[in-house]
Amino acid sequence: MNFNYLTGNFGIEVSAKELADMDQSTGVTLQNLWHEHELLVVRDMDLDTRAFVNFCSLFGELQKNYFFFQGHSEDYPQVAKIIKEAGEKKNTGGIWHHDQGYYSNPVKGIALYGIDIPPRGGDTLFTSSTLAYDSLSTTMQQVVKSLNVIHTTELMLKKQPLTKLMEGSDGDESGIERALKLMPLESAIHPAVCKNPVTGKPFLYLNRTTTSQFEGMTREESMGLLNYLFQHIEKPEFNCRVQWRPGTLVIWNNHQVLHYAVNDYNRRRELHRVHFSAEQPVKYL
């Protein structure tokens, strides 16, 4: 299979033409590429909702959508529609994060498919916490590897994130405000350094959106090292930028890769989203 590297470090791009005669071996090849490179972009796909669901099912068991409510379908409860209408100022995911760390079994994979894309802007940034861990000094690796981190929705509930998940409701209440009211307080403890069970590669498992502190420390005691690690993970050296087109499919490892939706456009934008393989992150020993 022919593919292009997206950066010097991680992420690959494949043309849909490479998948024209897709069989079981092609599916296995795609899975292996995804495990190894963490971020897979397939260009020029032509997928209806059923085909989108079937294709993404190659990578793991799809999970029901519990948080993104806009355009929710009873026939395909796994599929969410991420829409920013023309003129809206706020977007979904405009901060470095990975999803569901506050669950014991956060989803391992996320897929987004481009439906309606503005002529310019609206890219998505990704950063590899695998590369970030690998670049730490040996001493710092040992320090962080000995720690666990607490992930919680409390941080999201205390502040107004730059996102819009649903249509506005009556009065001045926004969609995200209604969504947060429905969101329970969730928390989970995970190792600060985990490993990919397939490749064995270690990675940092923390992010500034949901990681509150180290287990056994106060938040004040934790924040010095956490802020250093947040900034380290987000360095451009570990980044990859994906420019969207209609028919672009992006699949990434949500445990190892953080993402950031760039809010630099004012035209309508619609992506379809699924996530799969809810798995407990594995501690790196």
C-alpha atoms as a PDB file:
ATOM      1  CA  MET A   1       0.000   0.000   0.000  1.00  0.00           C
ATOM      2  CA  ASN A   2       1.351   3.414  -0.963  1.00  0.00           C
ATOM      3  CA  PHE A   3       1.137   6.185   1.610  1.00  0.00           C
ATOM      4  CA  ASN A   4       2.681   9.564   2.384  1.00  0.00           C
ATOM      5  CA  TYR A   5       4.091  10.700   5.702  1.00  0.00           C
ATOM      6  CA  LEU A   6       2.309  13.766   7.071  1.00  0.00           C
ATOM      7  CA  THR A   7       5.290  14.922   9.149  1.00  0.00           C
ATOM      8  CA  GLY A   8       8.796  13.797   9.940  1.00  0.00           C
ATOM      9  CA  ASN A   9       7.535  12.037  13.051  1.00  0.00           C
ATOM     10  CA  PHE A  10       3.996  10.673  12.907  1.00  0.00           C
ATOM     11  CA  GLY A  11       0.828  10.464  10.831  1.00  0.00           C
ATOM     12  CA  ILE A  12       0.315   9.033   7.343  1.00  0.00           C
ATOM     13  CA  GLU A  13      -1.987   9.787   4.415  1.00  0.00           C
ATOM     14  CA  VAL A  14      -3.527   7.226   2.048  1.00  0.00           C
ATOM     15  CA  SER A  15      -5.602   7.795  -1.073  1.00  0.00           C
ATOM     16  CA  ALA A  16      -8.978   6.084  -1.359  1.00  0.00           C
ATOM     17  CA  LYS A  17      -7.704   4.647  -4.652  1.00  0.00           C
ATOM     18  CA  GLU A  18      -5.466   2.377  -2.591  1.00  0.00           C
ATOM     19  CA  LEU A  19      -8.616   0.890  -1.035  1.00  0.00           C
ATOM     20  CA  ALA A  20     -10.563   0.341  -4.257  1.00  0.00           C
ATOM     21  CA  ASP A  21     -10.203  -3.452  -4.072  1.00  0.00           C
ATOM     22  CA  MET A  22     -10.329  -3.633  -0.309  1.00  0.00           C
ATOM     23  CA  ASP A  23     -10.293  -7.118   1.195  1.00  0.00           C
ATOM     24  CA  GLN A  24      -9.493  -8.580   4.613  1.00  0.00           C
ATOM     25  CA  SER A  25      -5.733  -8.242   4.152  1.00  0.00           C
ATOM     26  CA  THR A  26      -6.146  -4.563   3.246  1.00  0.00           C
ATOM     27  CA  GLY A  27      -8.104  -4.034   6.449  1.00  0.00           C
ATOM     28  CA  VAL A  28      -5.344  -5.678   8.485  1.00  0.00           C
ATOM     29  CA  THR A  29      -2.758  -3.486   6.765  1.00  0.00           C
ATOM     30  CA  LEU A  30      -4.733  -0.352   7.647  1.00  0.00           C
ATOM     31  CA  GLN A  31      -5.037  -1.453  11.267  1.00  0.00           C
ATOM     32  CA  ASN A  32      -1.286  -2.057  11.474  1.00  0.00           C
ATOM     33  CA  LEU A  33      -0.532   1.326   9.909  1.00  0.00           C
ATOM     34  CA  TRP A  34      -2.873   3.001  12.371  1.00  0.00           C
ATOM     35  CA  HIS A  35      -1.241   1.297  15.369  1.00  0.00           C
ATOM     36  CA  GLU A  36       2.246   2.177  14.179  1.00  0.00           C
ATOM     37  CA  HIS A  37       1.678   5.768  13.025  1.00  0.00           C
ATOM     38  CA  GLU A  38      -1.131   6.776  15.467  1.00  0.00           C
ATOM     39  CA  LEU A  39      -2.882   9.011  12.911  1.00  0.00           C
ATOM     40  CA  LEU A  40      -4.341   7.804   9.608  1.00  0.00           C
ATOM     41  CA  VAL A  41      -5.783  10.146   6.952  1.00  0.00           C
ATOM     42  CA  VAL A  42      -7.675   8.714   3.968  1.00  0.00           C
ATOM     43  CA  ARG A  43      -8.419  11.184   1.186  1.00  0.00           C
ATOM     44  CA  ASP A  44     -11.254  11.277  -1.361  1.00  0.00           C
ATOM     45  CA  MET A  45     -13.580   8.796   0.339  1.00  0.00           C
ATOM     46  CA  ASP A  46     -17.217   8.598  -0.752  1.00  0.00           C
ATOM     47  CA  LEU A  47     -19.118   7.301   2.276  1.00  0.00           C
ATOM     48  CA  ASP A  48     -22.753   7.429   3.286  1.00  0.00           C
ATOM     49  CA  THR A  49     -23.523   6.904   6.966  1.00  0.00           C
ATOM     50  CA  ARG A  50     -23.746   3.121   6.676  1.00  0.00           C
ATOM     51  CA  ALA A  51     -20.441   2.894   4.808  1.00  0.00           C
ATOM     52  CA  PHE A  52     -18.803   5.248   7.314  1.00  0.00           C
ATOM     53  CA  VAL A  53     -19.914   3.037  10.199  1.00  0.00           C
ATOM     54  CA  ASN A  54     -18.845  -0.156   8.443  1.00  0.00           C
ATOM     55  CA  PHE A  55     -15.416   1.181   7.534  1.00  0.00           C
ATOM     56  CA  CYS A  56     -14.667   2.447  11.036  1.00  0.00           C
ATOM     57  CA  SER A  57     -15.811  -0.874  12.498  1.00  0.00           C
ATOM     58  CA  LEU A  58     -12.653  -2.390  10.990  1.00  0.00           C
ATOM     59  CA  PHE A  59     -10.656  -0.701  13.744  1.00  0.00           C
ATOM     60  CA  GLY A  60     -12.717  -1.692  16.773  1.00  0.00           C
ATOM     61  CA  GLU A  61     -16.161  -1.949  18.316  1.00  0.00           C
ATOM     62  CA  LEU A  62     -18.046   1.314  17.856  1.00  0.00           C
ATOM     63  CA  GLN A  63     -19.428   2.968  20.965  1.00  0.00           C
ATOM     64  CA  LYS A  64     -22.760   4.724  21.374  1.00  0.00           C
ATOM     65  CA  ASN A  65     -22.626   8.523  21.284  1.00  0.00           C
ATOM     66  CA  TYR A  66     -23.560   9.921  24.704  1.00  0.00           C
ATOM     67  CA  PHE A  67     -22.370  13.517  24.490  1.00  0.00           C
ATOM     68  CA  PHE A  68     -22.662  14.989  20.982  1.00  0.00           C
ATOM     69  CA  PHE A  69     -26.397  15.412  20.449  1.00  0.00           C
ATOM     70  CA  GLN A  70     -26.680  17.524  17.326  1.00  0.00           C
ATOM     71  CA  GLY A  71     -28.126  15.501  14.440  1.00  0.00           C
ATOM     72  CA  HIS A  72     -28.326  12.350  16.552  1.00  0.00           C
ATOM     73  CA  SER A  73     -29.852   9.448  14.591  1.00  0.00           C
ATOM     74  CA  GLU A  74     -31.769   6.524  16.086  1.00  0.00           C
ATOM     75  CA  ASP A  75     -30.594   4.332  13.198  1.00  0.00           C
ATOM     76  CA  TYR A  76     -26.939   5.192  13.811  1.00  0.00           C
ATOM     77  CA  PRO A  77     -26.538   6.177  17.480  1.00  0.00           C
ATOM     78  CA  GLN A  78     -22.754   5.796  17.114  1.00  0.00           C
ATOM     79  CA  VAL A  79     -22.535   8.718  14.685  1.00  0.00           C
ATOM     80  CA  ALA A  80     -22.393  12.312  15.895  1.00  0.00           C
ATOM     81  CA  LYS A  81     -22.535  15.415  13.714  1.00  0.00           C
ATOM     82  CA  ILE A  82     -20.072  18.146  14.641  1.00  0.00           C
ATOM     83  CA  ILE A  83     -21.462  21.302  13.030  1.00  0.00           C
ATOM     84  CA  LYS A  84     -20.488  24.935  13.179  1.00  0.00           C
ATOM     85  CA  GLU A  85     -22.896  27.124  11.261  1.00  0.00           C
ATOM     86  CA  ALA A  86     -21.830  30.189   9.312  1.00  0.00           C
ATOM     87  CA  GLY A  87     -21.517  33.167  11.623  1.00  0.00           C
ATOM     88  CA  GLU A  88     -21.083  31.164  14.815  1.00  0.00           C
ATOM     89  CA  LYS A  89     -18.077  32.282  16.817  1.00  0.00           C
ATOM     90  CA  LYS A  90     -17.453  29.250  19.023  1.00  0.00           C
ATOM     91  CA  ASN A  91     -16.359  25.822  17.848  1.00  0.00           C
ATOM     92  CA  THR A  92     -16.060  22.325  19.264  1.00  0.00           C
ATOM     93  CA  GLY A  93     -12.704  21.226  20.628  1.00  0.00           C
ATOM     94  CA  GLY A  94     -10.774  24.491  20.472  1.00  0.00           C
ATOM     95  CA  ILE A  95      -8.248  23.446  23.139  1.00  0.00           C
ATOM     96  CA  TRP A  96      -5.615  20.696  23.331  1.00  0.00           C
ATOM     97  CA  HIS A  97      -7.305  17.590  24.703  1.00  0.00           C
ATOM     98  CA  HIS A  98      -8.025  13.930  24.359  1.00  0.00           C
ATOM     99  CA  ASP A  99     -11.477  12.530  25.037  1.00  0.00           C
ATOM    100  CA  GLN A 100     -12.951  10.592  27.946  1.00  0.00           C
ATOM    101  CA  GLY A 101      -9.911  10.358  30.213  1.00  0.00           C
ATOM    102  CA  TYR A 102     -12.355  10.730  33.106  1.00  0.00           C
ATOM    103  CA  TYR A 103     -13.737   7.243  32.326  1.00  0.00           C
ATOM    104  CA  SER A 104     -12.068   4.011  33.447  1.00  0.00           C
ATOM    105  CA  ASN A 105     -12.299   2.792  29.859  1.00  0.00           C
ATOM    106  CA  PRO A 106     -11.870   5.813  27.561  1.00  0.00           C
ATOM    107  CA  VAL A 107     -12.269   5.207  23.843  1.00  0.00           C
ATOM    108  CA  LYS A 108      -9.026   4.307  22.133  1.00  0.00           C
ATOM    109  CA  GLY A 109      -9.962   5.460  18.649  1.00  0.00           C
ATOM    110  CA  ILE A 110     -11.795   8.423  17.121  1.00  0.00           C
ATOM    111  CA  ALA A 111     -12.745   8.945  13.475  1.00  0.00           C
ATOM    112  CA  LEU A 112     -13.912  12.142  11.777  1.00  0.00           C
ATOM    113  CA  TYR A 113     -15.272  12.368   8.230  1.00  0.00           C
ATOM    114  CA  GLY A 114     -15.488  15.617   6.293  1.00  0.00           C
ATOM    115  CA  ILE A 115     -18.938  16.455   4.887  1.00  0.00           C
ATOM    116  CA  ASP A 116     -19.189  20.229   4.447  1.00  0.00           C
ATOM    117  CA  ILE A 117     -15.833  21.984   4.561  1.00  0.00           C
ATOM    118  CA  PRO A 118     -15.109  25.733   4.314  1.00  0.00           C
ATOM    119  CA  PRO A 119     -12.876  26.797   1.406  1.00  0.00           C
ATOM    120  CA  ARG A 120     -10.123  27.691   3.846  1.00  0.00           C
ATOM    121  CA  GLY A 121      -9.465  27.301   7.554  1.00  0.00           C
ATOM    122  CA  GLY A 122     -10.867  24.789  10.009  1.00  0.00           C
ATOM    123  CA  ASP A 123      -7.822  22.538  10.151  1.00  0.00           C
ATOM    124  CA  THR A 124      -7.302  20.125  13.040  1.00  0.00           C
ATOM    125  CA  LEU A 125      -4.010  19.918  14.924  1.00  0.00           C
ATOM    126  CA  PHE A 126      -2.764  16.694  16.472  1.00  0.00           C
ATOM    127  CA  THR A 127       0.141  16.071  18.813  1.00  0.00           C
ATOM    128  CA  SER A 128       1.790  12.800  19.787  1.00  0.00           C
ATOM    129  CA  SER A 129       2.308  12.194  23.492  1.00  0.00           C
ATOM    130  CA  THR A 130       4.399   9.181  22.447  1.00  0.00           C
ATOM    131  CA  LEU A 131       6.978  11.496  20.893  1.00  0.00           C
ATOM    132  CA  ALA A 132       6.662  13.825  23.876  1.00  0.00           C
ATOM    133  CA  TYR A 133       7.513  11.075  26.360  1.00  0.00           C
ATOM    134  CA  ASP A 134      10.377   9.796  24.241  1.00  0.00           C
ATOM    135  CA  SER A 135      12.018  13.238  24.201  1.00  0.00           C
ATOM    136  CA  LEU A 136      12.029  13.634  27.998  1.00  0.00           C
ATOM    137  CA  SER A 137      15.258  13.077  29.892  1.00  0.00           C
ATOM    138  CA  THR A 138      15.738   9.615  31.383  1.00  0.00           C
ATOM    139  CA  THR A 139      15.412  11.055  34.887  1.00  0.00           C
ATOM    140  CA  MET A 140      12.151  12.837  34.067  1.00  0.00           C
ATOM    141  CA  GLN A 141      10.797   9.691  32.405  1.00  0.00           C
ATOM    142  CA  GLN A 142      11.434   7.767  35.623  1.00  0.00           C
ATOM    143  CA  VAL A 143       9.765  10.449  37.741  1.00  0.00           C
ATOM    144  CA  VAL A 144       6.615  10.661  35.638  1.00  0.00           C
ATOM    145  CA  LYS A 145       6.430   6.890  35.173  1.00  0.00           C
ATOM    146  CA  SER A 146       6.093   6.487  38.945  1.00  0.00           C
ATOM    147  CA  LEU A 147       2.976   8.693  39.120  1.00  0.00           C
ATOM    148  CA  ASN A 148      -0.749   8.301  38.519  1.00  0.00           C
ATOM    149  CA  VAL A 149      -3.016  11.148  37.422  1.00  0.00           C
ATOM    150  CA  ILE A 150      -6.610  12.025  38.233  1.00  0.00           C
ATOM    151  CA  HIS A 151      -8.842  12.870  35.265  1.00  0.00           C
ATOM    152  CA  THR A 152     -12.163  14.542  36.033  1.00  0.00           C
ATOM    153  CA  THR A 153     -15.027  16.379  34.376  1.00  0.00           C
ATOM    154  CA  GLU A 154     -14.883  18.882  37.220  1.00  0.00           C
ATOM    155  CA  LEU A 155     -12.472  21.059  35.265  1.00  0.00           C
ATOM    156  CA  MET A 156     -14.900  21.171  32.324  1.00  0.00           C
ATOM    157  CA  LEU A 157     -17.853  21.954  34.572  1.00  0.00           C
ATOM    158  CA  LYS A 158     -16.082  24.820  36.333  1.00  0.00           C
ATOM    159  CA  LYS A 159     -15.303  26.784  33.180  1.00  0.00           C
ATOM    160  CA  GLN A 160     -17.006  27.535  29.886  1.00  0.00           C
ATOM    161  CA  PRO A 161     -15.196  25.632  27.122  1.00  0.00           C
ATOM    162  CA  LEU A 162     -14.938  27.024  23.597  1.00  0.00           C
ATOM    163  CA  THR A 163     -17.410  24.622  22.080  1.00  0.00           C
ATOM    164  CA  LYS A 164     -20.993  24.306  20.881  1.00  0.00           C
ATOM    165  CA  LEU A 165     -22.528  20.863  20.881  1.00  0.00           C
ATOM    166  CA  MET A 166     -26.237  21.453  20.279  1.00  0.00           C
ATOM    167  CA  GLU A 167     -28.658  24.000  18.958  1.00  0.00           C
ATOM    168  CA  GLY A 168     -29.453  26.801  21.407  1.00  0.00           C
ATOM    169  CA  SER A 169     -32.428  26.437  23.693  1.00  0.00           C
ATOM    170  CA  ASP A 170     -35.085  28.846  24.881  1.00  0.00           C
ATOM    171  CA  GLY A 171     -33.787  32.071  26.344  1.00  0.00           C
ATOM    172  CA  ASP A 172     -30.090  32.836  26.544  1.00  0.00           C
ATOM    173  CA  GLU A 173     -28.942  29.331  27.501  1.00  0.00           C
ATOM    174  CA  SER A 174     -26.465  27.936  24.970  1.00  0.00           C
ATOM    175  CA  GLY A 175     -26.246  24.351  23.788  1.00  0.00           C
ATOM    176  CA  ILE A 176     -23.019  23.710  25.664  1.00  0.00           C
ATOM    177  CA  GLU A 177     -24.581  25.035  28.858  1.00  0.00           C
ATOM    178  CA  ARG A 178     -27.423  22.555  28.510  1.00  0.00           C
ATOM    179  CA  ALA A 179     -24.974  19.745  27.717  1.00  0.00           C
ATOM    180  CA  LEU A 180     -22.881  20.497  30.782  1.00  0.00           C
ATOM    181  CA  LYS A 181     -25.993  20.497  32.969  1.00  0.00           C
ATOM    182  CA  LEU A 182     -26.656  16.938  31.814  1.00  0.00           C
ATOM    183  CA  MET A 183     -23.035  15.900  32.298  1.00  0.00           C
ATOM    184  CA  PRO A 184     -22.394  14.086  35.594  1.00  0.00           C
ATOM    185  CA  LEU A 185     -19.270  14.505  37.682  1.00  0.00           C
ATOM    186  CA  GLU A 186     -16.980  11.712  36.493  1.00  0.00           C
ATOM    187  CA  SER A 187     -13.425  10.898  37.478  1.00  0.00           C
ATOM    188  CA  ALA A 188     -10.865   8.164  36.941  1.00  0.00           C
ATOM    189  CA  ILE A 189      -7.268   7.485  37.931  1.00  0.00           C
ATOM    190  CA  HIS A 190      -4.814   6.402  35.238  1.00  0.00           C
ATOM    191  CA  PRO A 191      -1.051   5.937  35.024  1.00  0.00           C
ATOM    192  CA  ALA A 192       0.725   9.098  33.899  1.00  0.00           C
ATOM    193  CA  VAL A 193       2.712   6.939  31.473  1.00  0.00           C
ATOM    194  CA  CYS A 194       0.909   4.188  29.579  1.00  0.00           C
ATOM    195  CA  LYS A 195       1.829   1.926  26.688  1.00  0.00           C
ATOM    196  CA  ASN A 196       0.251   0.861  23.442  1.00  0.00           C
ATOM    197  CA  PRO A 197      -0.506  -2.848  24.012  1.00  0.00           C
ATOM    198  CA  VAL A 198       0.144  -3.615  20.329  1.00  0.00           C
ATOM    199  CA  THR A 199       3.376  -1.714  19.698  1.00  0.00           C
ATOM    200  CA  GLY A 200       4.613  -1.500  23.295  1.00  0.00           C
ATOM    201  CA  LYS A 201       5.417   2.204  22.844  1.00  0.00           C
ATOM    202  CA  PRO A 202       5.102   4.361  26.019  1.00  0.00           C
ATOM    203  CA  PHE A 203       3.215   7.654  26.024  1.00  0.00           C
ATOM    204  CA  LEU A 204       2.127  10.386  28.418  1.00  0.00           C
ATOM    205  CA  TYR A 205      -1.545  10.132  29.340  1.00  0.00           C
ATOM    206  CA  LEU A 206      -2.581  13.577  30.537  1.00  0.00           C
ATOM    207  CA  ASN A 207      -4.010  16.807  29.141  1.00  0.00           C
ATOM    208  CA  ARG A 208      -4.866  20.278  30.420  1.00  0.00           C
ATOM    209  CA  THR A 209      -8.627  19.865  29.837  1.00  0.00           C
ATOM    210  CA  THR A 210      -9.373  17.002  32.250  1.00  0.00           C
ATOM    211  CA  THR A 211      -6.195  16.149  34.209  1.00  0.00           C
ATOM    212  CA  SER A 212      -6.528  17.820  37.614  1.00  0.00           C
ATOM    213  CA  GLN A 213      -3.597  16.529  39.686  1.00  0.00           C
ATOM    214  CA  PHE A 214      -1.340  13.613  40.546  1.00  0.00           C
ATOM    215  CA  GLU A 215      -2.751  10.930  42.803  1.00  0.00           C
ATOM    216  CA  GLY A 216      -1.666  11.535  46.407  1.00  0.00           C
ATOM    217  CA  MET A 217      -0.842  15.215  45.784  1.00  0.00           C
ATOM    218  CA  THR A 218      -2.884  18.376  46.028  1.00  0.00           C
ATOM    219  CA  ARG A 219      -3.646  20.291  42.862  1.00  0.00           C
ATOM    220  CA  GLU A 220      -1.292  23.052  43.988  1.00  0.00           C
ATOM    221  CA  GLU A 221       1.535  20.545  44.482  1.00  0.00           C
ATOM    222  CA  SER A 222       0.838  18.981  41.087  1.00  0.00           C
ATOM    223  CA  MET A 223       0.506  22.015  38.843  1.00  0.00           C
ATOM    224  CA  GLY A 224       4.175  22.884  38.418  1.00  0.00           C
ATOM    225  CA  LEU A 225       5.062  19.536  36.845  1.00  0.00           C
ATOM    226  CA  LEU A 226       1.694  19.196  35.096  1.00  0.00           C
ATOM    227  CA  ASN A 227       2.020  22.579  33.391  1.00  0.00           C
ATOM    228  CA  TYR A 228       5.510  21.663  32.223  1.00  0.00           C
ATOM    229  CA  LEU A 229       4.220  18.375  30.755  1.00  0.00           C
ATOM    230  CA  PHE A 230       1.188  20.051  29.131  1.00  0.00           C
ATOM    231  CA  GLN A 231       3.420  22.574  27.395  1.00  0.00           C
ATOM    232  CA  HIS A 232       5.890  19.856  26.454  1.00  0.00           C
ATOM    233  CA  ILE A 233       3.228  17.658  24.804  1.00  0.00           C
ATOM    234  CA  GLU A 234       1.913  20.623  22.811  1.00  0.00           C
ATOM    235  CA  LYS A 235       5.298  21.560  21.283  1.00  0.00           C
ATOM    236  CA  PRO A 236       5.239  21.995  17.472  1.00  0.00           C
ATOM    237  CA  GLU A 237       7.920  19.323  17.107  1.00  0.00           C
ATOM    238  CA  PHE A 238       5.323  16.696  18.042  1.00  0.00           C
ATOM    239  CA  ASN A 239       2.459  18.225  16.016  1.00  0.00           C
ATOM    240  CA  CYS A 240       0.702  17.258  12.827  1.00  0.00           C
ATOM    241  CA  ARG A 241      -1.780  19.514  10.992  1.00  0.00           C
ATOM    242  CA  VAL A 242      -4.572  18.053   8.854  1.00  0.00           C
ATOM    243  CA  GLN A 243      -6.309  20.198   6.249  1.00  0.00           C
ATOM    244  CA  TRP A 244      -9.861  19.065   5.638  1.00  0.00           C
ATOM    245  CA  ARG A 245     -11.555  18.431   2.315  1.00  0.00           C
ATOM    246  CA  PRO A 246     -14.951  16.836   1.651  1.00  0.00           C
ATOM    247  CA  GLY A 247     -14.397  13.081   1.723  1.00  0.00           C
ATOM    248  CA  THR A 248     -11.427  13.234   4.088  1.00  0.00           C
ATOM    249  CA  LEU A 249     -11.461  10.556   6.804  1.00  0.00           C
ATOM    250  CA  VAL A 250      -9.158  10.956   9.815  1.00  0.00           C
ATOM    251  CA  ILE A 251      -8.677   8.189  12.397  1.00  0.00           C
ATOM    252  CA  TRP A 252      -6.406   8.621  15.396  1.00  0.00           C
ATOM    253  CA  ASN A 253      -5.389   6.882  18.612  1.00  0.00           C
ATOM    254  CA  ASN A 254      -7.182   8.897  21.271  1.00  0.00           C
ATOM    255  CA  HIS A 255      -5.005   7.505  24.066  1.00  0.00           C
ATOM    256  CA  GLN A 256      -1.728   8.596  22.453  1.00  0.00           C
ATOM    257  CA  VAL A 257      -2.743  11.623  20.392  1.00  0.00           C
ATOM    258  CA  LEU A 258      -4.264  14.916  21.559  1.00  0.00           C
ATOM    259  CA  HIS A 259      -6.176  17.135  19.141  1.00  0.00           C
ATOM    260  CA  TYR A 260      -7.083  20.804  18.741  1.00  0.00           C
ATOM    261  CA  ALA A 261      -9.758  22.215  16.392  1.00  0.00           C
ATOM    262  CA  VAL A 262      -8.526  25.478  14.868  1.00  0.00           C
ATOM    263  CA  ASN A 263     -11.258  28.130  14.919  1.00  0.00           C
ATOM    264  CA  ASP A 264     -10.153  30.359  12.009  1.00  0.00           C
ATOM    265  CA  TYR A 265     -13.173  30.211   9.694  1.00  0.00           C
ATOM    266  CA  ASN A 266     -16.669  31.694   9.494  1.00  0.00           C
ATOM    267  CA  ARG A 267     -18.300  29.418   6.906  1.00  0.00           C
ATOM    268  CA  ARG A 268     -20.406  26.332   7.650  1.00  0.00           C
ATOM    269  CA  ARG A 269     -18.448  23.209   8.605  1.00  0.00           C
ATOM    270  CA  GLU A 270     -19.815  19.704   9.223  1.00  0.00           C
ATOM    271  CA  LEU A 271     -17.914  16.605  10.279  1.00  0.00           C
ATOM    272  CA  HIS A 272     -19.297  13.188  11.240  1.00  0.00           C
ATOM    273  CA  ARG A 273     -17.718  11.459  14.212  1.00  0.00           C
ATOM    274  CA  VAL A 274     -17.524   7.973  15.719  1.00  0.00           C
ATOM    275  CA  HIS A 275     -15.380   6.532  18.452  1.00  0.00           C
ATOM    276  CA  PHE A 276     -14.429   2.918  19.112  1.00  0.00           C
ATOM    277  CA  SER A 277     -12.629   0.447  21.368  1.00  0.00           C
ATOM    278  CA  ALA A 278     -13.339   1.611  24.918  1.00  0.00           C
ATOM    279  CA  GLU A 279     -10.232   0.293  26.718  1.00  0.00           C
ATOM    280  CA  GLN A 280      -8.466   0.905  29.998  1.00  0.00           C
ATOM    281  CA  PRO A 281      -5.029   2.439  29.368  1.00  0.00           C
ATOM    282  CA  VAL A 282      -2.201   0.032  30.216  1.00  0.00           C
ATOM    283  CA  LYS A 283       0.529   1.146  32.634  1.00  0.00           C
ATOM    284  CA  TYR A 284       4.058   1.284  31.221  1.00  0.00           C
ATOM    285  CA  LEU A 285       6.444  -0.567  33.554  1.00  0.00           C
END
